[in-house]
C-alpha atoms as a PDB file:
ATOM      1  CA  UNK A   1     236.347-109.004 -19.947  1.00  0.00           C
ATOM      2  CA  UNK A   2     238.655-112.028 -19.955  1.00  0.00           C
ATOM      3  CA  UNK A   3     240.150-111.038 -23.320  1.00  0.00           C
ATOM      4  CA  UNK A   4     240.787-107.504 -22.087  1.00  0.00           C
ATOM      5  CA  UNK A   5     242.606-108.718 -18.988  1.00  0.00           C
ATOM      6  CA  UNK A   6     244.565-111.267 -20.989  1.00  0.00           C
ATOM      7  CA  UNK A   7     245.507-108.609 -23.562  1.00  0.00           C
ATOM      8  CA  UNK A   8     246.711-106.275 -20.817  1.00  0.00           C
ATOM      9  CA  UNK A   9     248.818-109.047 -19.283  1.00  0.00           C
ATOM     10  CA  UNK A  10     250.365-109.853 -22.686  1.00  0.00           C
ATOM     11  CA  UNK A  11     251.070-106.171 -23.268  1.00  0.00           C
ATOM     12  CA  UNK A  12     252.828-105.946 -19.884  1.00  0.00           C
ATOM     13  CA  UNK A  13     254.818-109.048 -20.695  1.00  0.00           C
ATOM     14  CA  UNK A  14     255.871-107.578 -24.060  1.00  0.00           C
ATOM     15  CA  UNK A  15     256.832-104.328 -22.385  1.00  0.00           C
ATOM     16  CA  UNK A  16     258.999-106.280 -19.946  1.00  0.00           C
ATOM     17  CA  UNK A  17     260.648-108.189 -22.790  1.00  0.00           C
ATOM     18  CA  UNK A  18     261.552-104.951 -24.562  1.00  0.00           C
ATOM     19  CA  UNK A  19     263.640-103.910 -21.551  1.00  0.00           C
ATOM     20  CA  UNK A  20     265.775-107.066 -21.450  1.00  0.00           C
ATOM     21  CA  UNK A  21     268.890-107.752 -23.496  1.00  0.00           C
ATOM     22  CA  UNK A  22     269.026-107.471 -27.248  1.00  0.00           C
ATOM     23  CA  UNK A  23     268.483-111.203 -27.752  1.00  0.00           C
ATOM     24  CA  UNK A  24     264.852-111.036 -26.545  1.00  0.00           C
ATOM     25  CA  UNK A  25     264.149-107.323 -26.999  1.00  0.00           C
ATOM     26  CA  UNK A  26     263.121-107.881 -30.601  1.00  0.00           C
ATOM     27  CA  UNK A  27     260.139-110.024 -29.329  1.00  0.00           C
ATOM     28  CA  UNK A  28     258.856-107.211 -27.131  1.00  0.00           C
ATOM     29  CA  UNK A  29     257.115-105.142 -29.769  1.00  0.00           C
ATOM     30  CA  UNK A  30     255.244-108.081 -31.424  1.00  0.00           C
ATOM     31  CA  UNK A  31     254.100-109.305 -28.014  1.00  0.00           C
ATOM     32  CA  UNK A  32     252.931-105.834 -27.064  1.00  0.00           C
ATOM     33  CA  UNK A  33     251.061-105.503 -30.385  1.00  0.00           C
ATOM     34  CA  UNK A  34     249.423-108.878 -29.813  1.00  0.00           C
ATOM     35  CA  UNK A  35     248.383-107.782 -26.353  1.00  0.00           C
ATOM     36  CA  UNK A  36     246.883-104.538 -27.672  1.00  0.00           C
ATOM     37  CA  UNK A  37     245.034-106.418 -30.428  1.00  0.00           C
ATOM     38  CA  UNK A  38     243.672-108.995 -27.999  1.00  0.00           C
ATOM     39  CA  UNK A  39     242.566-106.281 -25.571  1.00  0.00           C
ATOM     40  CA  UNK A  40     240.880-104.401 -28.434  1.00  0.00           C
ATOM     41  CA  UNK A  41     239.030-107.526 -29.563  1.00  0.00           C
ATOM     42  CA  UNK A  42     237.959-108.188 -25.971  1.00  0.00           C
ATOM     43  CA  UNK A  43     236.733-104.585 -25.588  1.00  0.00           C
ATOM     44  CA  UNK A  44     234.671-104.761 -28.780  1.00  0.00           C
ATOM     45  CA  UNK A  45     233.103-108.120 -27.938  1.00  0.00           C
ATOM     46  CA  UNK A  46     232.430-107.064 -24.347  1.00  0.00           C
ATOM     47  CA  UNK A  47     230.763-103.860 -25.528  1.00  0.00           C
ATOM     48  CA  UNK A  48     228.178-105.767 -27.590  1.00  0.00           C
ATOM     49  CA  UNK A  49     225.544-107.639 -25.583  1.00  0.00           C
ATOM     50  CA  UNK A  50     222.515-109.523 -26.906  1.00  0.00           C
ATOM     51  CA  UNK A  51     219.547-110.090 -24.608  1.00  0.00           C
ATOM     52  CA  UNK A  52     217.198-112.826 -25.775  1.00  0.00           C
ATOM     53  CA  UNK A  53     213.407-112.552 -25.864  1.00  0.00           C
ATOM     54  CA  UNK A  54     211.799-113.057 -22.464  1.00  0.00           C
ATOM     55  CA  UNK A  55     214.966-111.975 -20.639  1.00  0.00           C
ATOM     56  CA  UNK A  56     216.494-108.813 -19.234  1.00  0.00           C
ATOM     57  CA  UNK A  57     220.105-107.867 -18.559  1.00  0.00           C
ATOM     58  CA  UNK A  58     221.196-106.528 -15.177  1.00  0.00           C
ATOM     59  CA  UNK A  59     224.392-104.475 -15.350  1.00  0.00           C
ATOM     60  CA  UNK A  60     227.073-104.865 -12.683  1.00  0.00           C
ATOM     61  CA  UNK A  61     230.132-102.616 -12.651  1.00  0.00           C
ATOM     62  CA  UNK A  62     232.917-103.626 -10.250  1.00  0.00           C
ATOM     63  CA  UNK A  63     230.392-105.392  -7.995  1.00  0.00           C
ATOM     64  CA  UNK A  64     227.893-102.541  -7.974  1.00  0.00           C
ATOM     65  CA  UNK A  65     224.463-103.260  -9.468  1.00  0.00           C
ATOM     66  CA  UNK A  66     223.224-100.578 -11.858  1.00  0.00           C
ATOM     67  CA  UNK A  67     219.606 -99.415 -11.554  1.00  0.00           C
ATOM     68  CA  UNK A  68     218.770 -99.526 -15.277  1.00  0.00           C
ATOM     69  CA  UNK A  69     218.204-102.836 -17.079  1.00  0.00           C
ATOM     70  CA  UNK A  70     218.693-104.040 -20.633  1.00  0.00           C
ATOM     71  CA  UNK A  71     215.631-105.364 -22.417  1.00  0.00           C
ATOM     72  CA  UNK A  72     215.621-107.913 -25.241  1.00  0.00           C
ATOM     73  CA  UNK A  73     217.701-106.878 -28.250  1.00  0.00           C
ATOM     74  CA  UNK A  74     221.259-105.854 -29.134  1.00  0.00           C
ATOM     75  CA  UNK A  75     223.033-103.328 -26.873  1.00  0.00           C
ATOM     76  CA  UNK A  76     226.348-101.449 -26.816  1.00  0.00           C
ATOM     77  CA  UNK A  77     227.600-101.004 -23.279  1.00  0.00           C
ATOM     78  CA  UNK A  78     230.692-100.218 -21.261  1.00  0.00           C
ATOM     79  CA  UNK A  79     233.126-103.114 -21.849  1.00  0.00           C
ATOM     80  CA  UNK A  80     233.922-103.234 -18.136  1.00  0.00           C
ATOM     81  CA  UNK A  81     230.271-103.875 -17.240  1.00  0.00           C
ATOM     82  CA  UNK A  82     229.192-107.458 -16.537  1.00  0.00           C
ATOM     83  CA  UNK A  83     225.644-108.338 -17.614  1.00  0.00           C
ATOM     84  CA  UNK A  84     223.636-110.861 -15.594  1.00  0.00           C
ATOM     85  CA  UNK A  85     220.624-112.165 -17.469  1.00  0.00           C
ATOM     86  CA  UNK A  86     217.327-112.967 -15.781  1.00  0.00           C
ATOM     87  CA  UNK A  87     214.094-114.562 -17.041  1.00  0.00           C
ATOM     88  CA  UNK A  88     210.989-112.324 -16.919  1.00  0.00           C
ATOM     89  CA  UNK A  89     208.563-114.833 -18.442  1.00  0.00           C
ATOM     90  CA  UNK A  90     205.860-116.619 -16.436  1.00  0.00           C
ATOM     91  CA  UNK A  91     207.342-119.281 -14.193  1.00  0.00           C
ATOM     92  CA  UNK A  92     205.664-121.942 -12.115  1.00  0.00           C
ATOM     93  CA  UNK A  93     206.579-123.623  -8.869  1.00  0.00           C
ATOM     94  CA  UNK A  94     204.628-126.807  -8.093  1.00  0.00           C
ATOM     95  CA  UNK A  95     204.476-128.369  -4.640  1.00  0.00           C
ATOM     96  CA  UNK A  96     203.007-131.838  -4.820  1.00  0.00           C
ATOM     97  CA  UNK A  97     203.353-135.343  -3.531  1.00  0.00           C
ATOM     98  CA  UNK A  98     203.361-136.802  -7.052  1.00  0.00           C
ATOM     99  CA  UNK A  99     206.722-138.083  -8.219  1.00  0.00           C
ATOM    100  CA  UNK A 100     208.477-136.065 -10.953  1.00  0.00           C
ATOM    101  CA  UNK A 101     205.760-133.369 -11.049  1.00  0.00           C
ATOM    102  CA  UNK A 102     207.077-130.813  -8.598  1.00  0.00           C
ATOM    103  CA  UNK A 103     210.359-128.987  -8.226  1.00  0.00           C
ATOM    104  CA  UNK A 104     211.436-131.248  -5.378  1.00  0.00           C
ATOM    105  CA  UNK A 105     212.045-134.922  -6.063  1.00  0.00           C
ATOM    106  CA  UNK A 106     210.647-135.959  -2.688  1.00  0.00           C
ATOM    107  CA  UNK A 107     207.120-135.400  -1.338  1.00  0.00           C
ATOM    108  CA  UNK A 108     206.734-131.617  -1.402  1.00  0.00           C
ATOM    109  CA  UNK A 109     202.981-131.381  -0.768  1.00  0.00           C
ATOM    110  CA  UNK A 110     201.699-129.106   1.991  1.00  0.00           C
ATOM    111  CA  UNK A 111     200.646-130.847   5.214  1.00  0.00           C
ATOM    112  CA  UNK A 112     198.567-128.284   7.129  1.00  0.00           C
ATOM    113  CA  UNK A 113     196.281-128.288  10.163  1.00  0.00           C
ATOM    114  CA  UNK A 114     192.719-127.021   9.833  1.00  0.00           C
ATOM    115  CA  UNK A 115     190.459-125.302  12.373  1.00  0.00           C
ATOM    116  CA  UNK A 116     189.092-128.645  13.606  1.00  0.00           C
ATOM    117  CA  UNK A 117     192.584-130.037  14.213  1.00  0.00           C
ATOM    118  CA  UNK A 118     192.696-132.354  11.201  1.00  0.00           C
ATOM    119  CA  UNK A 119     195.661-132.622   8.865  1.00  0.00           C
ATOM    120  CA  UNK A 120     194.972-132.136   5.160  1.00  0.00           C
ATOM    121  CA  UNK A 121     197.409-132.441   2.261  1.00  0.00           C
ATOM    122  CA  UNK A 122     197.398-129.652  -0.336  1.00  0.00           C
ATOM    123  CA  UNK A 123     198.943-129.785  -3.809  1.00  0.00           C
ATOM    124  CA  UNK A 124     199.317-126.427  -5.521  1.00  0.00           C
ATOM    125  CA  UNK A 125     201.098-124.511  -8.262  1.00  0.00           C
ATOM    126  CA  UNK A 126     202.339-120.912  -8.034  1.00  0.00           C
ATOM    127  CA  UNK A 127     202.424-118.882 -11.258  1.00  0.00           C
ATOM    128  CA  UNK A 128     204.631-115.800 -11.025  1.00  0.00           C
ATOM    129  CA  UNK A 129     207.180-113.712 -12.886  1.00  0.00           C
ATOM    130  CA  UNK A 130     209.992-111.284 -12.199  1.00  0.00           C
ATOM    131  CA  UNK A 131     209.253-107.546 -12.446  1.00  0.00           C
ATOM    132  CA  UNK A 132     211.918-106.051 -14.764  1.00  0.00           C
ATOM    133  CA  UNK A 133     212.195-102.718 -12.941  1.00  0.00           C
ATOM    134  CA  UNK A 134     212.698-104.541  -9.625  1.00  0.00           C
ATOM    135  CA  UNK A 135     215.296-106.972 -10.949  1.00  0.00           C
ATOM    136  CA  UNK A 136     218.375-104.907  -9.891  1.00  0.00           C
ATOM    137  CA  UNK A 137     217.069-104.610  -6.340  1.00  0.00           C
ATOM    138  CA  UNK A 138     216.219-108.304  -6.238  1.00  0.00           C
ATOM    139  CA  UNK A 139     219.713-109.221  -7.462  1.00  0.00           C
ATOM    140  CA  UNK A 140     221.290-106.900  -4.915  1.00  0.00           C
ATOM    141  CA  UNK A 141     219.214-108.014  -1.896  1.00  0.00           C
ATOM    142  CA  UNK A 142     218.374-111.656  -2.622  1.00  0.00           C
ATOM    143  CA  UNK A 143     220.107-112.918  -5.726  1.00  0.00           C
ATOM    144  CA  UNK A 144     218.558-114.812  -8.607  1.00  0.00           C
ATOM    145  CA  UNK A 145     217.850-117.890  -6.508  1.00  0.00           C
ATOM    146  CA  UNK A 146     214.526-116.297  -5.497  1.00  0.00           C
ATOM    147  CA  UNK A 147     212.593-119.501  -6.133  1.00  0.00           C
ATOM    148  CA  UNK A 148     214.073-121.237  -3.101  1.00  0.00           C
ATOM    149  CA  UNK A 149     214.591-118.080  -1.036  1.00  0.00           C
ATOM    150  CA  UNK A 150     211.239-116.348  -1.604  1.00  0.00           C
ATOM    151  CA  UNK A 151     208.642-118.288  -3.596  1.00  0.00           C
ATOM    152  CA  UNK A 152     208.691-121.601  -1.768  1.00  0.00           C
ATOM    153  CA  UNK A 153     209.038-120.476   1.884  1.00  0.00           C
ATOM    154  CA  UNK A 154     206.590-117.562   1.620  1.00  0.00           C
ATOM    155  CA  UNK A 155     203.959-119.685  -0.117  1.00  0.00           C
ATOM    156  CA  UNK A 156     204.153-122.518   2.389  1.00  0.00           C
ATOM    157  CA  UNK A 157     204.041-120.120   5.331  1.00  0.00           C
ATOM    158  CA  UNK A 158     200.981-118.230   4.071  1.00  0.00           C
ATOM    159  CA  UNK A 159     199.101-121.420   3.318  1.00  0.00           C
ATOM    160  CA  UNK A 160     199.672-122.716   6.829  1.00  0.00           C
ATOM    161  CA  UNK A 161     198.665-119.363   8.296  1.00  0.00           C
ATOM    162  CA  UNK A 162     195.355-119.268   6.394  1.00  0.00           C
ATOM    163  CA  UNK A 163     194.358-122.940   6.572  1.00  0.00           C
ATOM    164  CA  UNK A 164     193.658-122.662  10.308  1.00  0.00           C
ATOM    165  CA  UNK A 165     190.587-120.494   9.577  1.00  0.00           C
ATOM    166  CA  UNK A 166     188.730-123.351   7.841  1.00  0.00           C
ATOM    167  CA  UNK A 167     187.617-126.800   8.915  1.00  0.00           C
ATOM    168  CA  UNK A 168     188.675-129.751   6.792  1.00  0.00           C
ATOM    169  CA  UNK A 169     185.338-130.434   5.092  1.00  0.00           C
ATOM    170  CA  UNK A 170     184.743-126.781   4.179  1.00  0.00           C
ATOM    171  CA  UNK A 171     188.276-126.466   2.858  1.00  0.00           C
ATOM    172  CA  UNK A 172     187.662-129.523   0.702  1.00  0.00           C
ATOM    173  CA  UNK A 173     184.282-128.431  -0.662  1.00  0.00           C
ATOM    174  CA  UNK A 174     182.394-125.157  -0.150  1.00  0.00           C
ATOM    175  CA  UNK A 175     185.250-122.879   0.999  1.00  0.00           C
ATOM    176  CA  UNK A 176     187.887-123.992  -1.489  1.00  0.00           C
ATOM    177  CA  UNK A 177     187.573-120.958  -3.781  1.00  0.00           C
ATOM    178  CA  UNK A 178     187.486-118.592  -0.822  1.00  0.00           C
ATOM    179  CA  UNK A 179     190.636-120.180   0.598  1.00  0.00           C
ATOM    180  CA  UNK A 180     192.418-119.892  -2.759  1.00  0.00           C
ATOM    181  CA  UNK A 181     191.475-116.220  -3.076  1.00  0.00           C
ATOM    182  CA  UNK A 182     192.575-115.485   0.474  1.00  0.00           C
ATOM    183  CA  UNK A 183     196.038-116.990   0.137  1.00  0.00           C
ATOM    184  CA  UNK A 184     196.444-115.295  -3.258  1.00  0.00           C
ATOM    185  CA  UNK A 185     195.980-111.856  -1.706  1.00  0.00           C
ATOM    186  CA  UNK A 186     198.463-112.427   1.097  1.00  0.00           C
ATOM    187  CA  UNK A 187     201.102-114.042  -1.127  1.00  0.00           C
ATOM    188  CA  UNK A 188     200.703-111.339  -3.762  1.00  0.00           C
ATOM    189  CA  UNK A 189     201.491-108.634  -1.201  1.00  0.00           C
ATOM    190  CA  UNK A 190     204.604-110.494  -0.050  1.00  0.00           C
ATOM    191  CA  UNK A 191     205.814-111.057  -3.604  1.00  0.00           C
ATOM    192  CA  UNK A 192     205.376-107.400  -4.563  1.00  0.00           C
ATOM    193  CA  UNK A 193     207.627-106.360  -1.718  1.00  0.00           C
ATOM    194  CA  UNK A 194     210.320-108.632  -3.116  1.00  0.00           C
ATOM    195  CA  UNK A 195     210.049-107.583  -6.759  1.00  0.00           C
ATOM    196  CA  UNK A 196     207.925-110.514  -7.954  1.00  0.00           C
ATOM    197  CA  UNK A 197     204.458-110.479  -9.496  1.00  0.00           C
ATOM    198  CA  UNK A 198     202.047-113.249  -8.507  1.00  0.00           C
ATOM    199  CA  UNK A 199     199.857-114.228 -11.466  1.00  0.00           C
ATOM    200  CA  UNK A 200     197.828-117.040  -9.934  1.00  0.00           C
ATOM    201  CA  UNK A 201     197.637-119.667  -7.210  1.00  0.00           C
ATOM    202  CA  UNK A 202     196.265-122.997  -8.439  1.00  0.00           C
ATOM    203  CA  UNK A 203     195.094-125.362  -5.692  1.00  0.00           C
ATOM    204  CA  UNK A 204     195.403-128.652  -7.548  1.00  0.00           C
ATOM    205  CA  UNK A 205     194.170-131.067  -4.934  1.00  0.00           C
ATOM    206  CA  UNK A 206     193.136-131.221  -1.276  1.00  0.00           C
ATOM    207  CA  UNK A 207     193.372-134.646   0.338  1.00  0.00           C
ATOM    208  CA  UNK A 208     191.418-135.281   3.522  1.00  0.00           C
ATOM    209  CA  UNK A 209     192.209-137.878   6.211  1.00  0.00           C
ATOM    210  CA  UNK A 210     190.856-141.316   5.310  1.00  0.00           C
ATOM    211  CA  UNK A 211     188.072-141.431   8.008  1.00  0.00           C
ATOM    212  CA  UNK A 212     186.774-137.989   7.012  1.00  0.00           C
ATOM    213  CA  UNK A 213     186.858-138.878   3.340  1.00  0.00           C
ATOM    214  CA  UNK A 214     184.915-142.090   4.001  1.00  0.00           C
ATOM    215  CA  UNK A 215     182.272-140.162   5.960  1.00  0.00           C
ATOM    216  CA  UNK A 216     181.862-137.655   3.134  1.00  0.00           C
ATOM    217  CA  UNK A 217     181.523-140.432   0.566  1.00  0.00           C
ATOM    218  CA  UNK A 218     178.827-142.138   2.669  1.00  0.00           C
ATOM    219  CA  UNK A 219     176.963-138.843   2.971  1.00  0.00           C
ATOM    220  CA  UNK A 220     177.155-138.234  -0.768  1.00  0.00           C
ATOM    221  CA  UNK A 221     175.939-141.772  -1.465  1.00  0.00           C
ATOM    222  CA  UNK A 222     172.998-141.309   0.911  1.00  0.00           C
ATOM    223  CA  UNK A 223     172.062-138.023  -0.766  1.00  0.00           C
ATOM    224  CA  UNK A 224     172.218-139.668  -4.190  1.00  0.00           C
ATOM    225  CA  UNK A 225     169.972-142.521  -3.032  1.00  0.00           C
ATOM    226  CA  UNK A 226     167.486-140.003  -1.587  1.00  0.00           C
ATOM    227  CA  UNK A 227     167.439-138.100  -4.873  1.00  0.00           C
ATOM    228  CA  UNK A 228     166.933-141.370  -6.764  1.00  0.00           C
ATOM    229  CA  UNK A 229     163.994-142.275  -4.517  1.00  0.00           C
ATOM    230  CA  UNK A 230     162.428-138.847  -5.064  1.00  0.00           C
ATOM    231  CA  UNK A 231     162.745-139.364  -8.811  1.00  0.00           C
ATOM    232  CA  UNK A 232     161.063-142.772  -8.599  1.00  0.00           C
ATOM    233  CA  UNK A 233     158.203-141.367  -6.504  1.00  0.00           C
ATOM    234  CA  UNK A 234     157.721-138.483  -8.894  1.00  0.00           C
ATOM    235  CA  UNK A 235     157.647-140.889 -11.838  1.00  0.00           C
ATOM    236  CA  UNK A 236     155.042-143.098 -10.108  1.00  0.00           C
ATOM    237  CA  UNK A 237     152.873-140.061  -9.379  1.00  0.00           C
ATOM    238  CA  UNK A 238     153.051-139.018 -13.018  1.00  0.00           C
ATOM    239  CA  UNK A 239     152.101-142.555 -14.135  1.00  0.00           C
ATOM    240  CA  UNK A 240     149.172-142.588 -11.715  1.00  0.00           C
ATOM    241  CA  UNK A 241     148.018-139.215 -13.032  1.00  0.00           C
ATOM    242  CA  UNK A 242     148.265-140.529 -16.605  1.00  0.00           C
ATOM    243  CA  UNK A 243     146.169-143.610 -15.827  1.00  0.00           C
ATOM    244  CA  UNK A 244     143.631-141.461 -13.999  1.00  0.00           C
ATOM    245  CA  UNK A 245     143.275-139.143 -16.980  1.00  0.00           C
ATOM    246  CA  UNK A 246     143.042-142.119 -19.354  1.00  0.00           C
ATOM    247  CA  UNK A 247     140.317-143.768 -17.273  1.00  0.00           C
ATOM    248  CA  UNK A 248     138.404-140.510 -17.054  1.00  0.00           C
ATOM    249  CA  UNK A 249     138.607-140.132 -20.831  1.00  0.00           C
ATOM    250  CA  UNK A 250     137.223-143.653 -21.411  1.00  0.00           C
ATOM    251  CA  UNK A 251     134.415-143.040 -18.936  1.00  0.00           C
ATOM    252  CA  UNK A 252     133.517-139.757 -20.611  1.00  0.00           C
ATOM    253  CA  UNK A 253     133.501-141.431 -24.034  1.00  0.00           C
ATOM    254  CA  UNK A 254     131.213-144.241 -22.874  1.00  0.00           C
ATOM    255  CA  UNK A 255     128.889-141.756 -21.292  1.00  0.00           C
ATOM    256  CA  UNK A 256     128.639-139.721 -24.483  1.00  0.00           C
ATOM    257  CA  UNK A 257     128.014-142.844 -26.603  1.00  0.00           C
ATOM    258  CA  UNK A 258     125.301-144.156 -24.251  1.00  0.00           C
ATOM    259  CA  UNK A 259     123.550-140.829 -24.192  1.00  0.00           C
ATOM    260  CA  UNK A 260     123.581-140.174 -27.955  1.00  0.00           C
ATOM    261  CA  UNK A 261     123.236-143.673 -29.501  1.00  0.00           C
ATOM    262  CA  UNK A 262     119.660-144.296 -30.920  1.00  0.00           C
ATOM    263  CA  UNK A 263     117.917-147.242 -32.645  1.00  0.00           C
ATOM    264  CA  UNK A 264     117.896-145.440 -35.986  1.00  0.00           C
ATOM    265  CA  UNK A 265     121.645-144.828 -35.751  1.00  0.00           C
ATOM    266  CA  UNK A 266     122.267-148.500 -34.976  1.00  0.00           C
ATOM    267  CA  UNK A 267     120.083-149.533 -37.947  1.00  0.00           C
ATOM    268  CA  UNK A 268     121.993-147.142 -40.208  1.00  0.00           C
ATOM    269  CA  UNK A 269     125.361-148.532 -39.121  1.00  0.00           C
ATOM    270  CA  UNK A 270     124.061-152.083 -39.688  1.00  0.00           C
ATOM    271  CA  UNK A 271     122.921-151.291 -43.228  1.00  0.00           C
ATOM    272  CA  UNK A 272     126.359-149.782 -44.010  1.00  0.00           C
ATOM    273  CA  UNK A 273     128.112-152.923 -42.785  1.00  0.00           C
ATOM    274  CA  UNK A 274     125.807-155.214 -44.822  1.00  0.00           C
ATOM    275  CA  UNK A 275     126.321-153.118 -47.949  1.00  0.00           C
ATOM    276  CA  UNK A 276     130.090-153.371 -47.654  1.00  0.00           C
ATOM    277  CA  UNK A 277     129.899-157.110 -47.096  1.00  0.00           C
ATOM    278  CA  UNK A 278     127.536-157.611 -50.049  1.00  0.00           C
ATOM    279  CA  UNK A 279     129.878-155.687 -52.324  1.00  0.00           C
ATOM    280  CA  UNK A 280     132.624-158.232 -51.677  1.00  0.00           C
ATOM    281  CA  UNK A 281     133.533-160.762 -54.434  1.00  0.00           C
ATOM    282  CA  UNK A 282     133.344-163.728 -52.076  1.00  0.00           C
ATOM    283  CA  UNK A 283     130.348-166.094 -51.917  1.00  0.00           C
ATOM    284  CA  UNK A 284     127.808-165.247 -49.209  1.00  0.00           C
ATOM    285  CA  UNK A 285     125.092-167.029 -47.326  1.00  0.00           C
ATOM    286  CA  UNK A 286     122.108-164.994 -46.153  1.00  0.00           C
ATOM    287  CA  UNK A 287     120.200-166.290 -43.124  1.00  0.00           C
ATOM    288  CA  UNK A 288     116.870-164.707 -42.476  1.00  0.00           C
ATOM    289  CA  UNK A 289     115.711-164.868 -38.916  1.00  0.00           C
ATOM    290  CA  UNK A 290     112.515-163.834 -37.199  1.00  0.00           C
ATOM    291  CA  UNK A 291     113.860-160.340 -36.717  1.00  0.00           C
ATOM    292  CA  UNK A 292     114.270-157.653 -39.273  1.00  0.00           C
ATOM    293  CA  UNK A 293     118.017-158.099 -39.530  1.00  0.00           C
ATOM    294  CA  UNK A 294     119.375-160.702 -42.004  1.00  0.00           C
ATOM    295  CA  UNK A 295     122.671-162.451 -41.237  1.00  0.00           C
ATOM    296  CA  UNK A 296     125.159-162.674 -44.114  1.00  0.00           C
ATOM    297  CA  UNK A 297     127.858-165.324 -43.855  1.00  0.00           C
ATOM    298  CA  UNK A 298     130.849-165.691 -46.143  1.00  0.00           C
ATOM    299  CA  UNK A 299     130.466-169.113 -47.723  1.00  0.00           C
ATOM    300  CA  UNK A 300     134.185-169.235 -48.508  1.00  0.00           C
END
C-alpha cells in the first residue's frame, strides 16, 4: 500500500512538472513513468500475501473488516486490502505467584475466599485458541489484545465466583477435580461467546493458609501412624499363628512317634547304626555290658 501511495504522489509530481516552463518540463515524463512503475510494483506486491502455518489473515478494506479469512498459504487479493494476521494455534495463559513463570512479572496468583471464609491461593494455566471463523468479529469488537481483555479477567472472575461453593480443605483435596470441571464449563461458555475455544483449565497448585495446612499435615501423620500400628498388629498376629501351627505340628509328630515306636523297631535301628559304625575304617573298641546291646567306641 505504501508503494502505491508513493507512486501516485510521484506521478502527480511529474504531472505538475510537465506543466511548468520548458526548463523543467522535460523531467515531467520520466518522473511520471517512475511514479507509474512504483505504483505498479506496489500493487503487485500488495496483491500477493503469504499466511504462515498456524496463522490466519483477516482482511480490512478502508477500515471495514471483511467476513472471510485467509488460511495458511499464498493468496492473491485486492491490493487495497490490508491483512491482519492472527495466531490460531494453542496458546496458554498462566497465573501464578512464581517469578518468571506467568504472563505477569509480579505475583499473579488467584487469591480467593472459600465457603468457610478462608483465603486460598490458586495457580492455574488456561489453554485456549482463536476460532478462525470468529476472528473477524473478534477483531471488530475486541481487537487482537484478547488475552488481557478477555482471557485474564473472565478466568479470574469465574474462579472467584465458583470458589465460594467449596470449603478450603475440600478444595485442596477431595473436590479439586470437581472444582476444575465446574470452572471449565463456565469459562468455556464465556469464551465461545467471544470467539475463543477453551481447550483446558489446569489447576497447578492450591495453597492453604498456614494453620489449616499444619492441621491437615498433623491429621495425615496421625492416620499414617494408625496404619503403621495396624500393620504391626497384623504382623504379630501372623507370627503368633505361625508359632501355634509349628507347636501343633511338633506335638502331633511326638504323639505319632510315641504311639507307633516298638521295641523291635528300636532294636532294628540300633543294629543299623552298629553296622554303619563297624563298616568304618577307624579302629573300634567294643564294650560288652550286662545287657544285650554292645557299645562300640572309636579308638581313634
